[in-house]
Amino acid sequence: EPVLGVELPAGLAGSPDWKALTEATADMIVWSNDIVSYRKEAGRGDTHNRVSVVAAAYGIEPLRAAGWVVDHIAQRAGDVQEAARGVGAELDRLGVGEPGRRATAAAVRCLVDAPRAHLDWLLESGRYDLGPGTRVPAQPSYPPAADRTSVSPESVRT
């Protein structure tokens, strides 16, 4: 909210769709980081990375565990979209007017875009060794922000 210069309507933060949106967004960001940082963290013996945890819990190789984590990231992406679409009903229930809807739409857009922004940073920052022969594609395989579900004050009306 402070970064966007907005204040969310009272009661929204405790609503089921808002909680689902923020939790799914956080999961996507953290788990994407765990995929990219696995080599570095495993190399220093860190066992708290999700890939390491899944590999140990299921007795599987790290590559297969990474695939499991990627599958769960994709599932959470759907959860983010579903929760974002549900915020409008929460605003209706709370009786939020146009200014609150505009503020909420800005925050929802930020949350929907955050996993992509974080992934871009992970891949472009050079912070992690992605392995021999790994390169960041000039054109990412995921859709650009303009092609994804947009969030506007109008879309948080229903």
C-alpha atoms as a PDB file:
ATOM      1  CA  GLU A   1       0.000   0.000   0.000  1.00  0.00           C
ATOM      2  CA  PRO A   2       2.644   2.594   0.912  1.00  0.00           C
ATOM      3  CA  VAL A   3       4.603   1.948  -2.293  1.00  0.00           C
ATOM      4  CA  LEU A   4       1.486   2.431  -4.395  1.00  0.00           C
ATOM      5  CA  GLY A   5       0.281   5.389  -2.339  1.00  0.00           C
ATOM      6  CA  VAL A   6      -3.053   3.705  -1.650  1.00  0.00           C
ATOM      7  CA  GLU A   7      -4.931   2.398   1.338  1.00  0.00           C
ATOM      8  CA  LEU A   8      -6.949  -0.770   1.040  1.00  0.00           C
ATOM      9  CA  PRO A   9     -10.553  -0.690   2.205  1.00  0.00           C
ATOM     10  CA  ALA A  10     -11.160  -1.683   5.808  1.00  0.00           C
ATOM     11  CA  GLY A  11     -11.923  -5.366   6.127  1.00  0.00           C
ATOM     12  CA  LEU A  12     -10.406  -6.421   2.803  1.00  0.00           C
ATOM     13  CA  ALA A  13      -7.164  -7.778   4.262  1.00  0.00           C
ATOM     14  CA  GLY A  14      -9.071 -10.330   6.329  1.00  0.00           C
ATOM     15  CA  SER A  15     -11.283 -11.519   3.496  1.00  0.00           C
ATOM     16  CA  PRO A  16     -10.872 -15.030   2.052  1.00  0.00           C
ATOM     17  CA  ASP A  17     -10.087 -13.927  -1.517  1.00  0.00           C
ATOM     18  CA  TRP A  18      -7.534 -11.332  -0.409  1.00  0.00           C
ATOM     19  CA  LYS A  19      -5.819 -13.868   1.841  1.00  0.00           C
ATOM     20  CA  ALA A  20      -5.821 -16.408  -0.997  1.00  0.00           C
ATOM     21  CA  LEU A  21      -4.359 -13.829  -3.387  1.00  0.00           C
ATOM     22  CA  THR A  22      -1.538 -12.767  -1.091  1.00  0.00           C
ATOM     23  CA  GLU A  23      -0.700 -16.320   0.010  1.00  0.00           C
ATOM     24  CA  ALA A  24      -0.655 -17.731  -3.531  1.00  0.00           C
ATOM     25  CA  THR A  25       1.469 -14.797  -4.736  1.00  0.00           C
ATOM     26  CA  ALA A  26       3.954 -15.328  -1.904  1.00  0.00           C
ATOM     27  CA  ASP A  27       4.133 -19.065  -2.626  1.00  0.00           C
ATOM     28  CA  MET A  28       4.908 -18.431  -6.296  1.00  0.00           C
ATOM     29  CA  ILE A  29       7.658 -15.952  -5.449  1.00  0.00           C
ATOM     30  CA  VAL A  30       9.287 -18.090  -2.763  1.00  0.00           C
ATOM     31  CA  TRP A  31       9.066 -21.339  -4.733  1.00  0.00           C
ATOM     32  CA  SER A  32      10.447 -19.714  -7.914  1.00  0.00           C
ATOM     33  CA  ASN A  33      13.345 -18.443  -5.853  1.00  0.00           C
ATOM     34  CA  ASP A  34      13.880 -21.966  -4.495  1.00  0.00           C
ATOM     35  CA  ILE A  35      14.041 -23.429  -8.011  1.00  0.00           C
ATOM     36  CA  VAL A  36      16.629 -20.909  -9.165  1.00  0.00           C
ATOM     37  CA  SER A  37      18.663 -20.882  -5.939  1.00  0.00           C
ATOM     38  CA  TYR A  38      18.707 -24.668  -5.413  1.00  0.00           C
ATOM     39  CA  ARG A  39      22.215 -25.272  -6.822  1.00  0.00           C
ATOM     40  CA  LYS A  40      23.750 -22.522  -4.729  1.00  0.00           C
ATOM     41  CA  GLU A  41      21.941 -23.495  -1.541  1.00  0.00           C
ATOM     42  CA  ALA A  42      22.481 -27.247  -1.940  1.00  0.00           C
ATOM     43  CA  GLY A  43      26.158 -26.553  -2.608  1.00  0.00           C
ATOM     44  CA  ARG A  44      26.526 -25.004   0.819  1.00  0.00           C
ATOM     45  CA  GLY A  45      24.469 -27.693   2.581  1.00  0.00           C
ATOM     46  CA  ASP A  46      21.274 -25.655   3.048  1.00  0.00           C
ATOM     47  CA  THR A  47      18.369 -28.093   3.415  1.00  0.00           C
ATOM     48  CA  HIS A  48      15.581 -25.506   3.765  1.00  0.00           C
ATOM     49  CA  ASN A  49      15.050 -24.988   0.041  1.00  0.00           C
ATOM     50  CA  ARG A  50      11.690 -26.386  -1.144  1.00  0.00           C
ATOM     51  CA  VAL A  51      13.420 -28.580  -3.737  1.00  0.00           C
ATOM     52  CA  SER A  52      15.568 -30.123  -0.992  1.00  0.00           C
ATOM     53  CA  VAL A  53      12.584 -30.542   1.322  1.00  0.00           C
ATOM     54  CA  VAL A  54      10.460 -32.252  -1.356  1.00  0.00           C
ATOM     55  CA  ALA A  55      13.366 -34.491  -2.442  1.00  0.00           C
ATOM     56  CA  ALA A  56      13.932 -35.608   1.146  1.00  0.00           C
ATOM     57  CA  ALA A  57      10.239 -35.989   1.982  1.00  0.00           C
ATOM     58  CA  TYR A  58       9.447 -38.145  -1.060  1.00  0.00           C
ATOM     59  CA  GLY A  59      12.831 -39.827  -1.481  1.00  0.00           C
ATOM     60  CA  ILE A  60      13.229 -38.536  -5.033  1.00  0.00           C
ATOM     61  CA  GLU A  61      16.053 -36.970  -7.020  1.00  0.00           C
ATOM     62  CA  PRO A  62      16.373 -33.166  -6.905  1.00  0.00           C
ATOM     63  CA  LEU A  63      15.504 -32.805 -10.601  1.00  0.00           C
ATOM     64  CA  ARG A  64      12.221 -34.640 -10.079  1.00  0.00           C
ATOM     65  CA  ALA A  65      11.585 -32.614  -6.913  1.00  0.00           C
ATOM     66  CA  ALA A  66      12.173 -29.413  -8.896  1.00  0.00           C
ATOM     67  CA  GLY A  67       9.551 -30.571 -11.392  1.00  0.00           C
ATOM     68  CA  TRP A  68       7.143 -31.139  -8.522  1.00  0.00           C
ATOM     69  CA  VAL A  69       7.783 -27.605  -7.268  1.00  0.00           C
ATOM     70  CA  VAL A  70       7.304 -26.163 -10.775  1.00  0.00           C
ATOM     71  CA  ASP A  71       3.966 -27.986 -11.047  1.00  0.00           C
ATOM     72  CA  HIS A  72       2.877 -26.451  -7.757  1.00  0.00           C
ATOM     73  CA  ILE A  73       3.961 -22.988  -8.911  1.00  0.00           C
ATOM     74  CA  ALA A  74       1.750 -23.416 -11.982  1.00  0.00           C
ATOM     75  CA  GLN A  75      -1.152 -24.491  -9.770  1.00  0.00           C
ATOM     76  CA  ARG A  76      -0.683 -21.446  -7.557  1.00  0.00           C
ATOM     77  CA  ALA A  77      -0.677 -19.204 -10.661  1.00  0.00           C
ATOM     78  CA  GLY A  78      -4.231 -20.361 -11.280  1.00  0.00           C
ATOM     79  CA  ASP A  79      -5.045 -19.696  -7.637  1.00  0.00           C
ATOM     80  CA  VAL A  80      -3.719 -16.124  -7.980  1.00  0.00           C
ATOM     81  CA  GLN A  81      -5.928 -15.469 -11.010  1.00  0.00           C
ATOM     82  CA  GLU A  82      -8.998 -16.999  -9.349  1.00  0.00           C
ATOM     83  CA  ALA A  83      -8.507 -15.028  -6.136  1.00  0.00           C
ATOM     84  CA  ALA A  84      -7.888 -11.788  -8.067  1.00  0.00           C
ATOM     85  CA  ARG A  85     -11.192 -12.275  -9.872  1.00  0.00           C
ATOM     86  CA  GLY A  86     -12.959 -12.887  -6.554  1.00  0.00           C
ATOM     87  CA  VAL A  87     -11.847  -9.653  -4.907  1.00  0.00           C
ATOM     88  CA  GLY A  88     -14.701  -7.726  -6.556  1.00  0.00           C
ATOM     89  CA  ALA A  89     -17.304  -9.724  -4.644  1.00  0.00           C
ATOM     90  CA  GLU A  90     -15.430  -8.948  -1.433  1.00  0.00           C
ATOM     91  CA  LEU A  91     -15.586  -5.242  -2.270  1.00  0.00           C
ATOM     92  CA  ASP A  92     -19.321  -5.524  -2.958  1.00  0.00           C
ATOM     93  CA  ARG A  93     -19.813  -7.280   0.369  1.00  0.00           C
ATOM     94  CA  LEU A  94     -17.890  -4.523   2.145  1.00  0.00           C
ATOM     95  CA  GLY A  95     -19.796  -1.758   0.303  1.00  0.00           C
ATOM     96  CA  VAL A  96     -16.613  -0.233  -1.136  1.00  0.00           C
ATOM     97  CA  GLY A  97     -16.989   2.794  -3.420  1.00  0.00           C
ATOM     98  CA  GLU A  98     -15.005   3.875  -6.461  1.00  0.00           C
ATOM     99  CA  PRO A  99     -11.907   5.276  -4.669  1.00  0.00           C
ATOM    100  CA  GLY A 100     -11.481   2.053  -2.702  1.00  0.00           C
ATOM    101  CA  ARG A 101     -11.998  -0.010  -5.851  1.00  0.00           C
ATOM    102  CA  ARG A 102      -9.287   1.962  -7.666  1.00  0.00           C
ATOM    103  CA  ALA A 103      -6.889   1.474  -4.753  1.00  0.00           C
ATOM    104  CA  THR A 104      -7.696  -2.220  -4.624  1.00  0.00           C
ATOM    105  CA  ALA A 105      -7.265  -2.645  -8.388  1.00  0.00           C
ATOM    106  CA  ALA A 106      -3.770  -1.102  -8.154  1.00  0.00           C
ATOM    107  CA  ALA A 107      -2.806  -3.460  -5.331  1.00  0.00           C
ATOM    108  CA  VAL A 108      -4.270  -6.496  -7.110  1.00  0.00           C
ATOM    109  CA  ARG A 109      -2.334  -5.635 -10.301  1.00  0.00           C
ATOM    110  CA  CYS A 110       0.845  -5.405  -8.249  1.00  0.00           C
ATOM    111  CA  LEU A 111       0.232  -8.802  -6.638  1.00  0.00           C
ATOM    112  CA  VAL A 112      -0.674 -10.457  -9.940  1.00  0.00           C
ATOM    113  CA  ASP A 113       2.490  -9.070 -11.575  1.00  0.00           C
ATOM    114  CA  ALA A 114       4.875  -9.699  -8.653  1.00  0.00           C
ATOM    115  CA  PRO A 115       5.744 -13.358  -9.418  1.00  0.00           C
ATOM    116  CA  ARG A 116       6.643 -12.499 -13.023  1.00  0.00           C
ATOM    117  CA  ALA A 117       8.705  -9.497 -11.917  1.00  0.00           C
ATOM    118  CA  HIS A 118      10.557 -11.610  -9.367  1.00  0.00           C
ATOM    119  CA  LEU A 119      11.220 -14.366 -11.892  1.00  0.00           C
ATOM    120  CA  ASP A 120      12.587 -11.801 -14.357  1.00  0.00           C
ATOM    121  CA  TRP A 121      14.892 -10.492 -11.655  1.00  0.00           C
ATOM    122  CA  LEU A 122      16.040 -14.001 -10.709  1.00  0.00           C
ATOM    123  CA  LEU A 123      16.876 -14.860 -14.294  1.00  0.00           C
ATOM    124  CA  GLU A 124      18.494 -11.556 -15.232  1.00  0.00           C
ATOM    125  CA  SER A 125      20.334 -10.548 -12.064  1.00  0.00           C
ATOM    126  CA  GLY A 126      23.220 -12.987 -12.388  1.00  0.00           C
ATOM    127  CA  ARG A 127      22.890 -13.735  -8.687  1.00  0.00           C
ATOM    128  CA  TYR A 128      22.508 -17.467  -9.279  1.00  0.00           C
ATOM    129  CA  ASP A 129      24.440 -19.881 -11.475  1.00  0.00           C
ATOM    130  CA  LEU A 130      21.777 -21.437 -13.643  1.00  0.00           C
ATOM    131  CA  GLY A 131      24.111 -24.181 -14.835  1.00  0.00           C
ATOM    132  CA  PRO A 132      26.262 -24.762 -17.890  1.00  0.00           C
ATOM    133  CA  GLY A 133      24.597 -23.879 -21.162  1.00  0.00           C
ATOM    134  CA  THR A 134      21.618 -22.289 -19.451  1.00  0.00           C
ATOM    135  CA  ARG A 135      20.587 -19.018 -20.926  1.00  0.00           C
ATOM    136  CA  VAL A 136      17.782 -16.608 -20.356  1.00  0.00           C
ATOM    137  CA  PRO A 137      15.576 -16.571 -23.465  1.00  0.00           C
ATOM    138  CA  ALA A 138      15.383 -13.245 -25.278  1.00  0.00           C
ATOM    139  CA  GLN A 139      11.637 -13.772 -25.512  1.00  0.00           C
ATOM    140  CA  PRO A 140      10.220 -15.448 -22.412  1.00  0.00           C
ATOM    141  CA  SER A 141       7.847 -18.337 -22.985  1.00  0.00           C
ATOM    142  CA  TYR A 142       5.314 -16.910 -20.548  1.00  0.00           C
ATOM    143  CA  PRO A 143       2.917 -14.224 -21.787  1.00  0.00           C
ATOM    144  CA  PRO A 144       3.826 -10.573 -21.286  1.00  0.00           C
ATOM    145  CA  ALA A 145       1.781  -8.650 -18.744  1.00  0.00           C
ATOM    146  CA  ALA A 146      -0.339  -7.034 -21.458  1.00  0.00           C
ATOM    147  CA  ASP A 147      -1.540 -10.470 -22.626  1.00  0.00           C
ATOM    148  CA  ARG A 148      -2.608 -11.722 -19.217  1.00  0.00           C
ATOM    149  CA  THR A 149      -5.853 -11.111 -17.400  1.00  0.00           C
ATOM    150  CA  SER A 150      -5.950  -7.411 -16.686  1.00  0.00           C
ATOM    151  CA  VAL A 151      -7.205  -5.943 -13.463  1.00  0.00           C
ATOM    152  CA  SER A 152      -9.030  -2.634 -13.521  1.00  0.00           C
ATOM    153  CA  PRO A 153     -11.470  -0.884 -11.219  1.00  0.00           C
ATOM    154  CA  GLU A 154     -14.206  -2.227 -13.457  1.00  0.00           C
ATOM    155  CA  SER A 155     -13.013  -5.819 -13.102  1.00  0.00           C
ATOM    156  CA  VAL A 156     -13.205  -5.635  -9.314  1.00  0.00           C
ATOM    157  CA  ARG A 157     -16.858  -4.557  -9.488  1.00  0.00           C
ATOM    158  CA  THR A 158     -18.408  -7.986  -9.901  1.00  0.00           C
END
